[in-house]
Amino acid sequence: MNPRVSTVHPNPDYTITLTFANGEVRRFDVKPYLDKGIFRELKDLQKFNTVKPFLGSIQWQGGQDFCPDTLYMDSEPEAKIQANAA
C-alpha cells in the first residue's frame, strides 16, 4: 500500500504538489485529465485551486478526485523536478 496524502498545494501550471504521510514531496500533473469528463471544470484555475486533502487523497469542490495510489505512482519526486530545472 502506498502512502497517503497529508497536504496538497495547487500550482498555476495545473500540477499539484503533494506531501505524503511518509514525508515525501511529489508533484502530480493534472493536465492530461483536463479534457476528460468532470475534470474539464478544473481548467478554470479558480476551481483548480480549491483542491484539499480528503481521506488520504485529494478532492476538489466539484467532487473531482484521484485514487491515492494513482497520485503516488504517477507523480514525480519534487527533488527530481528541481534537479531537471537546474
N, C-alpha and C. Protein backbone atom coordinates (compact mmCIF):
# COMPACT_ATOMS: atom_id res chain seq x y z
N MET A 1 0.85 -1.18 0.00
CA MET A 1 0.00 0.00 0.00
C MET A 1 0.89 1.25 0.00
N ASN A 2 0.58 2.17 -0.87
CA ASN A 2 1.34 3.41 -0.97
C ASN A 2 0.93 4.39 0.12
N PRO A 3 1.84 5.34 0.44
CA PRO A 3 1.49 6.33 1.47
C PRO A 3 0.34 7.22 1.04
N ARG A 4 -0.34 7.78 1.99
CA ARG A 4 -1.50 8.64 1.74
C ARG A 4 -1.10 10.11 1.79
N VAL A 5 -1.92 10.94 1.18
CA VAL A 5 -1.66 12.37 1.08
C VAL A 5 -1.97 13.04 2.42
N SER A 6 -1.05 13.90 2.87
CA SER A 6 -1.33 14.68 4.07
C SER A 6 -1.56 16.15 3.74
N THR A 7 -0.86 16.69 2.72
CA THR A 7 -1.12 18.07 2.28
C THR A 7 -1.05 18.15 0.76
N VAL A 8 -1.73 19.15 0.22
CA VAL A 8 -1.72 19.38 -1.23
C VAL A 8 -1.66 20.88 -1.48
N HIS A 9 -0.90 21.25 -2.52
CA HIS A 9 -0.79 22.65 -2.92
C HIS A 9 -0.97 22.73 -4.44
N PRO A 10 -1.97 23.49 -4.93
CA PRO A 10 -2.15 23.64 -6.37
C PRO A 10 -1.10 24.60 -6.95
N ASN A 11 -0.64 24.32 -8.14
CA ASN A 11 0.33 25.16 -8.84
C ASN A 11 -0.31 25.75 -10.09
N PRO A 12 0.13 26.94 -10.53
CA PRO A 12 -0.50 27.60 -11.68
C PRO A 12 -0.34 26.87 -13.02
N ASP A 13 0.54 25.85 -13.07
CA ASP A 13 0.73 25.08 -14.30
C ASP A 13 -0.12 23.80 -14.33
N TYR A 14 -1.16 23.76 -13.52
CA TYR A 14 -2.07 22.61 -13.42
C TYR A 14 -1.37 21.34 -12.92
N THR A 15 -0.40 21.55 -12.04
CA THR A 15 0.16 20.44 -11.29
C THR A 15 -0.22 20.66 -9.83
N ILE A 16 -0.08 19.62 -9.04
CA ILE A 16 -0.30 19.75 -7.61
C ILE A 16 0.92 19.18 -6.89
N THR A 17 1.34 19.88 -5.86
CA THR A 17 2.44 19.42 -5.04
C THR A 17 1.84 18.71 -3.83
N LEU A 18 2.24 17.47 -3.66
CA LEU A 18 1.67 16.61 -2.63
C LEU A 18 2.72 16.27 -1.58
N THR A 19 2.35 16.32 -0.33
CA THR A 19 3.19 15.79 0.73
C THR A 19 2.47 14.55 1.25
N PHE A 20 3.20 13.45 1.27
CA PHE A 20 2.62 12.18 1.69
C PHE A 20 2.95 11.91 3.16
N ALA A 21 2.22 11.00 3.75
CA ALA A 21 2.37 10.69 5.17
C ALA A 21 3.78 10.22 5.53
N ASN A 22 4.53 9.71 4.57
CA ASN A 22 5.91 9.26 4.83
C ASN A 22 6.91 10.40 4.69
N GLY A 23 6.43 11.63 4.43
CA GLY A 23 7.29 12.80 4.32
C GLY A 23 7.73 13.12 2.90
N GLU A 24 7.46 12.25 1.95
CA GLU A 24 7.85 12.51 0.56
C GLU A 24 7.04 13.66 -0.01
N VAL A 25 7.71 14.51 -0.80
CA VAL A 25 7.05 15.59 -1.52
C VAL A 25 7.16 15.26 -3.00
N ARG A 26 5.99 15.18 -3.66
CA ARG A 26 5.94 14.77 -5.06
C ARG A 26 5.00 15.70 -5.82
N ARG A 27 5.18 15.76 -7.14
CA ARG A 27 4.33 16.61 -7.98
C ARG A 27 3.56 15.74 -8.97
N PHE A 28 2.25 15.98 -9.03
CA PHE A 28 1.35 15.24 -9.92
C PHE A 28 0.82 16.20 -10.97
N ASP A 29 0.89 15.79 -12.23
CA ASP A 29 0.44 16.61 -13.35
C ASP A 29 -1.03 16.28 -13.67
N VAL A 30 -1.89 17.27 -13.50
CA VAL A 30 -3.33 17.08 -13.75
C VAL A 30 -3.68 17.37 -15.22
N LYS A 31 -2.78 18.03 -15.97
CA LYS A 31 -3.09 18.44 -17.36
C LYS A 31 -3.63 17.33 -18.24
N PRO A 32 -3.11 16.10 -18.19
CA PRO A 32 -3.64 15.05 -19.07
C PRO A 32 -5.12 14.71 -18.83
N TYR A 33 -5.66 15.13 -17.70
CA TYR A 33 -7.05 14.81 -17.35
C TYR A 33 -8.02 15.95 -17.65
N LEU A 34 -7.50 17.13 -17.98
CA LEU A 34 -8.35 18.32 -18.08
C LEU A 34 -9.32 18.32 -19.26
N ASP A 35 -9.18 17.39 -20.19
CA ASP A 35 -10.12 17.29 -21.31
C ASP A 35 -11.07 16.11 -21.14
N LYS A 36 -11.13 15.55 -19.94
CA LYS A 36 -11.94 14.36 -19.70
C LYS A 36 -13.03 14.62 -18.66
N GLY A 37 -14.26 14.37 -19.06
CA GLY A 37 -15.39 14.39 -18.15
C GLY A 37 -15.43 15.55 -17.18
N ILE A 38 -15.65 15.22 -15.92
CA ILE A 38 -15.82 16.21 -14.88
C ILE A 38 -14.55 17.04 -14.63
N PHE A 39 -13.40 16.52 -15.05
CA PHE A 39 -12.14 17.25 -14.86
C PHE A 39 -12.06 18.51 -15.73
N ARG A 40 -12.89 18.61 -16.77
CA ARG A 40 -12.89 19.81 -17.62
C ARG A 40 -13.13 21.08 -16.81
N GLU A 41 -13.93 20.98 -15.77
CA GLU A 41 -14.23 22.14 -14.91
C GLU A 41 -12.97 22.72 -14.29
N LEU A 42 -11.94 21.89 -14.14
CA LEU A 42 -10.72 22.33 -13.46
C LEU A 42 -9.81 23.18 -14.34
N LYS A 43 -10.18 23.37 -15.61
CA LYS A 43 -9.43 24.28 -16.47
C LYS A 43 -9.53 25.71 -15.94
N ASP A 44 -10.60 25.98 -15.21
CA ASP A 44 -10.76 27.27 -14.52
C ASP A 44 -9.85 27.22 -13.29
N LEU A 45 -8.78 28.04 -13.31
CA LEU A 45 -7.80 27.99 -12.22
C LEU A 45 -8.43 28.26 -10.85
N GLN A 46 -9.47 29.06 -10.83
CA GLN A 46 -10.14 29.33 -9.54
C GLN A 46 -10.71 28.03 -8.98
N LYS A 47 -11.29 27.20 -9.84
CA LYS A 47 -11.82 25.90 -9.39
C LYS A 47 -10.68 24.94 -9.10
N PHE A 48 -9.64 24.97 -9.95
CA PHE A 48 -8.49 24.09 -9.74
C PHE A 48 -7.87 24.33 -8.36
N ASN A 49 -7.83 25.58 -7.96
CA ASN A 49 -7.19 25.95 -6.70
C ASN A 49 -7.98 25.55 -5.45
N THR A 50 -9.17 24.96 -5.62
CA THR A 50 -9.97 24.55 -4.46
C THR A 50 -9.56 23.17 -3.91
N VAL A 51 -8.55 22.56 -4.48
CA VAL A 51 -8.14 21.21 -4.06
C VAL A 51 -7.74 21.19 -2.59
N LYS A 52 -8.17 20.13 -1.90
CA LYS A 52 -7.89 19.94 -0.48
C LYS A 52 -7.58 18.46 -0.23
N PRO A 53 -6.83 18.16 0.84
CA PRO A 53 -6.67 16.75 1.23
C PRO A 53 -8.02 16.19 1.66
N PHE A 54 -8.25 14.92 1.36
CA PHE A 54 -9.53 14.31 1.70
C PHE A 54 -9.34 12.80 1.89
N LEU A 55 -9.46 12.32 3.11
CA LEU A 55 -9.40 10.90 3.44
C LEU A 55 -8.19 10.19 2.84
N GLY A 56 -7.02 10.81 2.97
CA GLY A 56 -5.79 10.21 2.47
C GLY A 56 -5.53 10.46 1.00
N SER A 57 -6.43 11.16 0.35
CA SER A 57 -6.29 11.50 -1.05
C SER A 57 -6.51 13.00 -1.18
N ILE A 58 -7.08 13.43 -2.32
CA ILE A 58 -7.41 14.84 -2.54
C ILE A 58 -8.79 14.93 -3.17
N GLN A 59 -9.38 16.11 -3.06
CA GLN A 59 -10.68 16.32 -3.70
C GLN A 59 -10.85 17.82 -3.96
N TRP A 60 -11.49 18.12 -5.10
CA TRP A 60 -11.85 19.50 -5.43
C TRP A 60 -13.28 19.76 -5.03
N GLN A 61 -13.67 21.04 -4.96
CA GLN A 61 -15.04 21.41 -4.57
C GLN A 61 -16.09 20.75 -5.45
N GLY A 62 -15.78 20.55 -6.72
CA GLY A 62 -16.74 19.93 -7.64
C GLY A 62 -16.84 18.42 -7.50
N GLY A 63 -16.08 17.84 -6.58
CA GLY A 63 -16.15 16.39 -6.34
C GLY A 63 -15.09 15.59 -7.08
N GLN A 64 -14.29 16.23 -7.93
CA GLN A 64 -13.24 15.53 -8.64
C GLN A 64 -12.21 15.01 -7.64
N ASP A 65 -11.71 13.81 -7.90
CA ASP A 65 -10.70 13.25 -7.01
C ASP A 65 -9.85 12.23 -7.77
N PHE A 66 -8.81 11.78 -7.12
CA PHE A 66 -7.95 10.74 -7.65
C PHE A 66 -7.72 9.70 -6.57
N CYS A 67 -7.48 8.48 -7.00
CA CYS A 67 -7.08 7.42 -6.08
C CYS A 67 -5.72 7.78 -5.49
N PRO A 68 -5.53 7.61 -4.19
CA PRO A 68 -4.24 7.96 -3.60
C PRO A 68 -3.07 7.16 -4.20
N ASP A 69 -3.32 5.93 -4.64
CA ASP A 69 -2.26 5.14 -5.27
C ASP A 69 -1.86 5.75 -6.61
N THR A 70 -2.83 6.25 -7.37
CA THR A 70 -2.53 6.92 -8.64
C THR A 70 -1.69 8.17 -8.38
N LEU A 71 -2.07 8.94 -7.37
CA LEU A 71 -1.33 10.15 -7.05
C LEU A 71 0.12 9.83 -6.73
N TYR A 72 0.36 8.75 -6.01
CA TYR A 72 1.72 8.41 -5.63
C TYR A 72 2.50 7.83 -6.82
N MET A 73 1.92 6.85 -7.49
CA MET A 73 2.64 6.14 -8.55
C MET A 73 2.87 7.01 -9.79
N ASP A 74 1.96 7.93 -10.08
CA ASP A 74 2.07 8.75 -11.29
C ASP A 74 2.64 10.14 -11.03
N SER A 75 3.19 10.36 -9.85
CA SER A 75 3.80 11.65 -9.54
C SER A 75 5.32 11.49 -9.55
N GLU A 76 6.00 12.63 -9.60
CA GLU A 76 7.46 12.62 -9.59
C GLU A 76 7.96 13.27 -8.31
N PRO A 77 9.05 12.75 -7.77
CA PRO A 77 9.63 13.39 -6.57
C PRO A 77 10.00 14.84 -6.87
N GLU A 78 9.69 15.72 -5.96
CA GLU A 78 9.96 17.15 -6.12
C GLU A 78 11.46 17.40 -6.34
N ALA A 79 12.31 16.66 -5.66
CA ALA A 79 13.77 16.86 -5.80
C ALA A 79 14.21 16.57 -7.24
N LYS A 80 13.62 15.59 -7.89
CA LYS A 80 13.96 15.25 -9.27
C LYS A 80 13.53 16.37 -10.21
N ILE A 81 12.38 16.95 -9.97
CA ILE A 81 11.87 18.05 -10.80
C ILE A 81 12.79 19.25 -10.67
N GLN A 82 13.18 19.58 -9.45
CA GLN A 82 14.05 20.72 -9.22
C GLN A 82 15.42 20.49 -9.86
N ALA A 83 15.94 19.26 -9.82
CA ALA A 83 17.23 18.97 -10.43
C ALA A 83 17.17 19.12 -11.95
N ASN A 84 16.06 18.71 -12.56
CA ASN A 84 15.90 18.84 -14.01
C ASN A 84 15.77 20.29 -14.44
N ALA A 85 15.26 21.14 -13.56
CA ALA A 85 15.07 22.56 -13.88
C ALA A 85 16.39 23.33 -13.80
N ALA A 86 17.34 22.78 -13.06
CA ALA A 86 18.62 23.49 -12.85
C ALA A 86 19.54 23.38 -14.04
